[in-house]
């Protein structure tokens, strides 16, 4: 199985065995991604799995499958919808072992039913309440990259930029090799291979509550800090967020490496941050274009 379509406008072909994160802002944008992904799977005859909390599963099923018709039974059999909290917290807490078993079982069941591919989408806001075991989430997300690599599956984890805090989003970037944002699949430069992530001690132990997005500076101050950035600094941010080195940024903008270094120093001071991955998160939250 080679090139596959996600069904999302503007997104090119992908391969089986891929684990994405999709970053969006609000329910309307999530639904545009989610239903396009499910519709493509139903059209292609794939098994589809949707895990979502803030929409009733029956509503998702009705919208995705459609009205009764000649292919209603077929499409209905292709789609399973569960609440995210029921799937991820099956025993009342999050367990990496249980969730891996659930997904592996879903792949095996799809194969047994003669489906050639499982398309699974999981909306991740269930973790924001801090349920028992939540701190193993990113160990799980990291391990998925090895688990799914040779499986007939495409997995998309859905994260709302309006809900998740910066520290959580940093770990999202470190555990997903590809990021879907604004109709574009980005090969994530901040991704860490599972062995690297584990050896670096990366996990939610480094994340302190609250898990939700909170502007500790206050919304007005955060806006003011961002508004203080110059056009030149915003151009630097847009390139750094793509994983481009300072030397490459300098070449792209026809300035010296020293100028780029100076811009970054000023940017870090203005935004009160300390790393490139934090800067990338700020750029994502502000929906800064890839080429400003």
Protein backbone atom coordinates (compact mmCIF):
# COMPACT_ATOMS: atom_id res chain seq x y z
CA UNK A 1 0.00 0.00 0.00
CA UNK A 2 1.61 3.23 -1.10
CA UNK A 3 0.13 6.69 -1.61
CA UNK A 4 -3.06 7.35 0.34
CA UNK A 5 -5.26 10.42 0.57
CA UNK A 6 -6.31 11.92 3.89
CA UNK A 7 -9.25 13.52 2.11
CA UNK A 8 -8.32 16.93 3.52
CA UNK A 9 -8.14 19.71 0.90
CA UNK A 10 -4.60 20.84 0.19
CA UNK A 11 -2.97 17.82 1.84
CA UNK A 12 -1.07 15.51 -0.49
CA UNK A 13 -0.63 11.76 -0.40
CA UNK A 14 0.58 9.99 2.74
CA UNK A 15 1.65 6.45 3.46
CA UNK A 16 0.23 3.73 5.66
CA UNK A 17 1.87 3.38 9.06
CA UNK A 18 1.81 7.12 9.74
CA UNK A 19 1.08 8.90 13.03
CA UNK A 20 0.06 12.56 12.75
CA UNK A 21 -1.03 15.27 15.12
CA UNK A 22 -3.59 17.70 13.77
CA UNK A 23 -3.56 21.16 15.36
CA UNK A 24 -6.71 23.23 15.06
CA UNK A 25 -8.58 26.07 16.74
CA UNK A 26 -12.14 25.34 17.83
CA UNK A 27 -14.86 22.83 16.92
CA UNK A 28 -15.58 24.15 13.42
CA UNK A 29 -12.00 23.70 12.27
CA UNK A 30 -11.79 20.30 13.96
CA UNK A 31 -14.92 19.15 12.18
CA UNK A 32 -13.60 20.21 8.79
CA UNK A 33 -10.55 18.02 9.34
CA UNK A 34 -12.32 15.14 11.03
CA UNK A 35 -15.23 14.63 8.67
CA UNK A 36 -13.07 15.00 5.56
CA UNK A 37 -10.77 12.31 6.96
CA UNK A 38 -13.65 9.97 7.80
CA UNK A 39 -15.43 10.56 4.50
CA UNK A 40 -12.33 9.67 2.54
CA UNK A 41 -11.98 6.47 4.52
CA UNK A 42 -15.60 5.51 3.95
CA UNK A 43 -15.29 6.31 0.24
CA UNK A 44 -12.17 4.16 -0.07
CA UNK A 45 -13.73 1.24 1.78
CA UNK A 46 -11.48 1.52 4.84
CA UNK A 47 -12.33 0.78 8.45
CA UNK A 48 -12.73 4.06 10.34
CA UNK A 49 -12.51 4.73 14.07
CA UNK A 50 -13.41 8.05 15.67
CA UNK A 51 -12.79 8.87 19.33
CA UNK A 52 -14.39 12.16 20.41
CA UNK A 53 -15.90 13.61 23.58
CA UNK A 54 -17.72 16.89 22.99
CA UNK A 55 -19.99 15.57 20.24
CA UNK A 56 -22.40 12.71 20.81
CA UNK A 57 -21.18 9.59 18.95
CA UNK A 58 -24.61 9.18 17.35
CA UNK A 59 -24.35 12.68 15.88
CA UNK A 60 -20.91 11.94 14.45
CA UNK A 61 -22.14 8.68 12.98
CA UNK A 62 -25.23 10.28 11.39
CA UNK A 63 -23.18 13.09 9.84
CA UNK A 64 -20.42 10.83 8.57
CA UNK A 65 -22.51 7.90 7.34
CA UNK A 66 -25.35 9.97 5.92
CA UNK A 67 -28.98 9.18 5.31
CA UNK A 68 -30.37 5.76 4.56
CA UNK A 69 -29.59 4.65 1.05
CA UNK A 70 -28.16 1.88 -1.05
CA UNK A 71 -24.75 2.04 0.65
CA UNK A 72 -25.92 2.98 4.15
CA UNK A 73 -25.36 -0.48 5.64
CA UNK A 74 -21.87 -0.73 4.17
CA UNK A 75 -20.80 2.71 5.38
CA UNK A 76 -22.34 2.14 8.80
CA UNK A 77 -20.37 -1.10 9.23
CA UNK A 78 -17.17 0.71 8.31
CA UNK A 79 -17.40 3.31 11.08
CA UNK A 80 -16.98 2.90 14.83
CA UNK A 81 -17.43 5.96 17.07
CA UNK A 82 -16.68 6.07 20.80
CA UNK A 83 -16.25 8.77 23.38
CA UNK A 84 -12.57 9.60 23.80
CA UNK A 85 -12.82 9.31 27.58
CA UNK A 86 -14.32 5.82 27.29
CA UNK A 87 -11.56 4.64 24.97
CA UNK A 88 -8.56 6.22 26.65
CA UNK A 89 -9.76 5.64 30.22
CA UNK A 90 -11.22 2.15 29.91
CA UNK A 91 -10.27 1.10 33.41
CA UNK A 92 -10.96 4.50 34.94
CA UNK A 93 -7.40 5.66 34.31
CA UNK A 94 -5.07 6.04 31.36
CA UNK A 95 -2.87 3.02 30.72
CA UNK A 96 -0.31 2.82 27.91
CA UNK A 97 -0.65 -0.96 27.84
CA UNK A 98 -4.45 -0.86 27.67
CA UNK A 99 -4.52 1.77 24.94
CA UNK A 100 -1.90 0.02 22.82
CA UNK A 101 -3.89 -3.20 23.22
CA UNK A 102 -7.07 -1.39 22.16
CA UNK A 103 -5.49 0.06 19.02
CA UNK A 104 -3.72 -3.18 18.11
CA UNK A 105 -7.00 -5.00 18.56
CA UNK A 106 -8.73 -2.46 16.32
CA UNK A 107 -6.15 -3.05 13.57
CA UNK A 108 -6.46 -6.84 13.94
CA UNK A 109 -10.26 -6.65 13.84
CA UNK A 110 -10.15 -4.50 10.69
CA UNK A 111 -7.88 -7.03 8.98
CA UNK A 112 -10.12 -9.91 10.10
CA UNK A 113 -13.08 -8.10 8.52
CA UNK A 114 -11.11 -7.82 5.25
CA UNK A 115 -10.42 -4.11 5.46
CA UNK A 116 -7.06 -3.12 3.99
CA UNK A 117 -6.60 -0.04 6.21
CA UNK A 118 -7.66 1.37 9.58
CA UNK A 119 -8.10 5.14 9.78
CA UNK A 120 -8.31 6.30 13.39
CA UNK A 121 -8.82 9.83 14.71
CA UNK A 122 -8.64 10.61 18.42
CA UNK A 123 -9.66 13.95 19.94
CA UNK A 124 -7.32 14.50 22.90
CA UNK A 125 -9.05 17.02 25.17
CA UNK A 126 -9.99 14.22 27.60
CA UNK A 127 -6.51 14.58 29.14
CA UNK A 128 -7.02 18.20 30.24
CA UNK A 129 -8.91 17.24 33.38
CA UNK A 130 -5.77 15.40 34.56
CA UNK A 131 -7.28 11.91 34.99
CA UNK A 132 -5.23 9.19 36.72
CA UNK A 133 -2.38 8.05 34.50
CA UNK A 134 -2.46 11.15 32.28
CA UNK A 135 1.27 11.66 32.81
CA UNK A 136 1.95 8.58 30.65
CA UNK A 137 0.23 10.15 27.65
CA UNK A 138 3.34 11.30 25.83
CA UNK A 139 5.22 8.08 26.50
CA UNK A 140 2.27 6.47 24.73
CA UNK A 141 2.25 9.03 21.89
CA UNK A 142 5.97 8.46 21.38
CA UNK A 143 5.64 4.66 21.38
CA UNK A 144 2.88 4.81 18.77
CA UNK A 145 5.41 5.83 16.14
CA UNK A 146 7.13 2.45 16.37
CA UNK A 147 3.93 0.48 16.85
CA UNK A 148 2.10 1.87 13.82
CA UNK A 149 5.11 2.00 11.51
CA UNK A 150 4.49 -1.41 9.95
CA UNK A 151 0.73 -1.56 10.44
CA UNK A 152 -1.99 -0.90 7.83
CA UNK A 153 -3.16 2.18 9.70
CA UNK A 154 -3.20 5.96 9.71
CA UNK A 155 -3.55 7.59 13.13
CA UNK A 156 -4.42 11.24 13.71
CA UNK A 157 -4.40 12.78 17.20
CA UNK A 158 -6.43 16.00 17.38
CA UNK A 159 -5.20 18.84 19.63
CA UNK A 160 -7.05 22.13 20.05
CA UNK A 161 -4.64 25.08 20.14
CA UNK A 162 -7.22 27.06 22.10
CA UNK A 163 -7.31 24.52 24.91
CA UNK A 164 -3.84 23.06 25.38
CA UNK A 165 -1.15 24.83 27.36
CA UNK A 166 2.25 25.61 25.87
CA UNK A 167 4.05 22.91 27.87
CA UNK A 168 1.62 20.27 26.61
CA UNK A 169 2.02 21.45 23.02
CA UNK A 170 5.81 21.23 23.31
CA UNK A 171 5.44 17.52 24.12
CA UNK A 172 2.93 17.11 21.29
CA UNK A 173 5.58 18.37 18.88
CA UNK A 174 8.26 16.14 20.35
CA UNK A 175 6.16 12.99 19.93
CA UNK A 176 4.68 13.40 16.44
CA UNK A 177 6.86 13.17 13.31
CA UNK A 178 4.27 14.95 11.19
CA UNK A 179 2.01 17.88 12.01
CA UNK A 180 -1.14 18.77 10.13
CA UNK A 181 -1.86 22.49 10.28
CA UNK A 182 -3.84 24.80 7.99
CA UNK A 183 -4.19 22.12 5.30
CA UNK A 184 -0.48 21.38 5.21
CA UNK A 185 1.46 18.37 6.49
CA UNK A 186 4.68 19.59 8.09
CA UNK A 187 7.59 17.23 8.63
CA UNK A 188 8.14 18.23 12.23
CA UNK A 189 11.74 19.34 12.97
CA UNK A 190 11.18 19.11 16.73
CA UNK A 191 10.21 15.43 16.68
CA UNK A 192 12.29 13.06 18.83
CA UNK A 193 12.62 9.37 17.97
CA UNK A 194 11.09 7.14 20.69
CA UNK A 195 14.47 5.96 22.00
CA UNK A 196 15.74 9.55 22.12
CA UNK A 197 12.57 10.75 23.82
CA UNK A 198 12.80 8.02 26.46
CA UNK A 199 16.51 8.46 27.11
CA UNK A 200 16.08 12.22 27.46
CA UNK A 201 13.57 11.57 30.22
CA UNK A 202 10.87 13.38 28.26
CA UNK A 203 7.47 12.77 29.75
CA UNK A 204 4.67 14.62 31.42
CA UNK A 205 6.68 14.56 34.64
CA UNK A 206 8.15 17.80 33.29
CA UNK A 207 4.70 19.32 32.83
CA UNK A 208 3.11 21.15 35.70
CA UNK A 209 -0.64 21.79 35.98
CA UNK A 210 -2.69 23.46 34.70
CA UNK A 211 -2.63 21.40 31.51
CA UNK A 212 -5.07 23.74 29.78
CA UNK A 213 -3.99 26.87 28.01
CA UNK A 214 -3.64 29.69 30.50
CA UNK A 215 -2.04 33.02 29.64
CA UNK A 216 -0.26 33.55 32.94
CA UNK A 217 0.80 37.01 31.76
CA UNK A 218 -2.83 37.85 31.03
CA UNK A 219 -4.35 37.94 27.57
CA UNK A 220 -3.74 41.65 27.15
CA UNK A 221 -0.09 41.37 28.12
CA UNK A 222 0.43 38.32 25.88
CA UNK A 223 -1.12 40.21 22.99
CA UNK A 224 1.02 43.23 23.79
CA UNK A 225 4.19 41.14 23.82
CA UNK A 226 3.34 39.61 20.45
CA UNK A 227 2.37 43.00 19.00
CA UNK A 228 5.78 44.36 20.04
CA UNK A 229 7.51 42.10 17.53
CA UNK A 230 8.79 43.79 14.39
CA UNK A 231 8.11 42.51 10.88
CA UNK A 232 11.74 41.39 10.68
CA UNK A 233 11.37 39.42 13.91
CA UNK A 234 8.14 37.81 12.68
CA UNK A 235 9.90 36.72 9.49
CA UNK A 236 12.61 35.10 11.60
CA UNK A 237 10.00 33.35 13.77
CA UNK A 238 8.16 31.96 10.74
CA UNK A 239 11.38 30.35 9.49
CA UNK A 240 12.65 29.13 12.86
CA UNK A 241 9.26 27.47 13.46
CA UNK A 242 9.93 25.33 10.38
CA UNK A 243 13.13 23.99 11.92
CA UNK A 244 15.50 26.08 9.83
CA UNK A 245 18.92 26.81 11.34
CA UNK A 246 20.10 30.36 12.03
CA UNK A 247 22.53 30.10 9.12
CA UNK A 248 19.73 29.05 6.76
CA UNK A 249 17.45 31.80 8.08
CA UNK A 250 20.19 34.33 7.37
CA UNK A 251 20.56 33.08 3.82
CA UNK A 252 16.83 33.05 3.23
CA UNK A 253 16.42 36.63 4.47
CA UNK A 254 19.69 37.93 2.95
CA UNK A 255 21.03 39.11 6.31
CA UNK A 256 24.02 38.11 8.40
CA UNK A 257 24.03 35.25 10.91
CA UNK A 258 24.79 37.87 13.58
CA UNK A 259 21.60 39.72 12.66
CA UNK A 260 19.52 36.55 13.04
CA UNK A 261 21.14 35.81 16.41
CA UNK A 262 20.32 39.34 17.57
CA UNK A 263 16.71 39.05 16.38
CA UNK A 264 16.27 35.77 18.29
CA UNK A 265 17.72 37.26 21.46
CA UNK A 266 15.24 40.12 21.26
CA UNK A 267 12.37 37.75 20.44
CA UNK A 268 13.11 35.53 23.45
CA UNK A 269 13.23 38.57 25.73
CA UNK A 270 10.03 40.06 24.36
CA UNK A 271 8.07 36.79 24.65
CA UNK A 272 9.76 35.60 27.86
CA UNK A 273 10.71 32.22 26.39
CA UNK A 274 13.94 30.24 26.27
CA UNK A 275 13.92 27.73 23.39
CA UNK A 276 13.14 27.25 19.71
CA UNK A 277 10.41 24.72 20.43
CA UNK A 278 8.68 27.22 22.76
CA UNK A 279 8.93 29.76 19.95
CA UNK A 280 7.37 27.26 17.55
CA UNK A 281 4.45 26.73 19.93
CA UNK A 282 3.87 30.49 20.15
CA UNK A 283 3.92 30.71 16.35
CA UNK A 284 1.41 27.84 16.09
CA UNK A 285 -0.90 29.40 18.67
CA UNK A 286 -0.79 32.70 16.78
CA UNK A 287 -1.24 30.92 13.43
CA UNK A 288 1.77 32.72 12.00
CA UNK A 289 2.04 31.88 8.28
CA UNK A 290 4.94 29.62 7.28
CA UNK A 291 6.23 32.44 5.11
CA UNK A 292 5.44 35.72 6.83
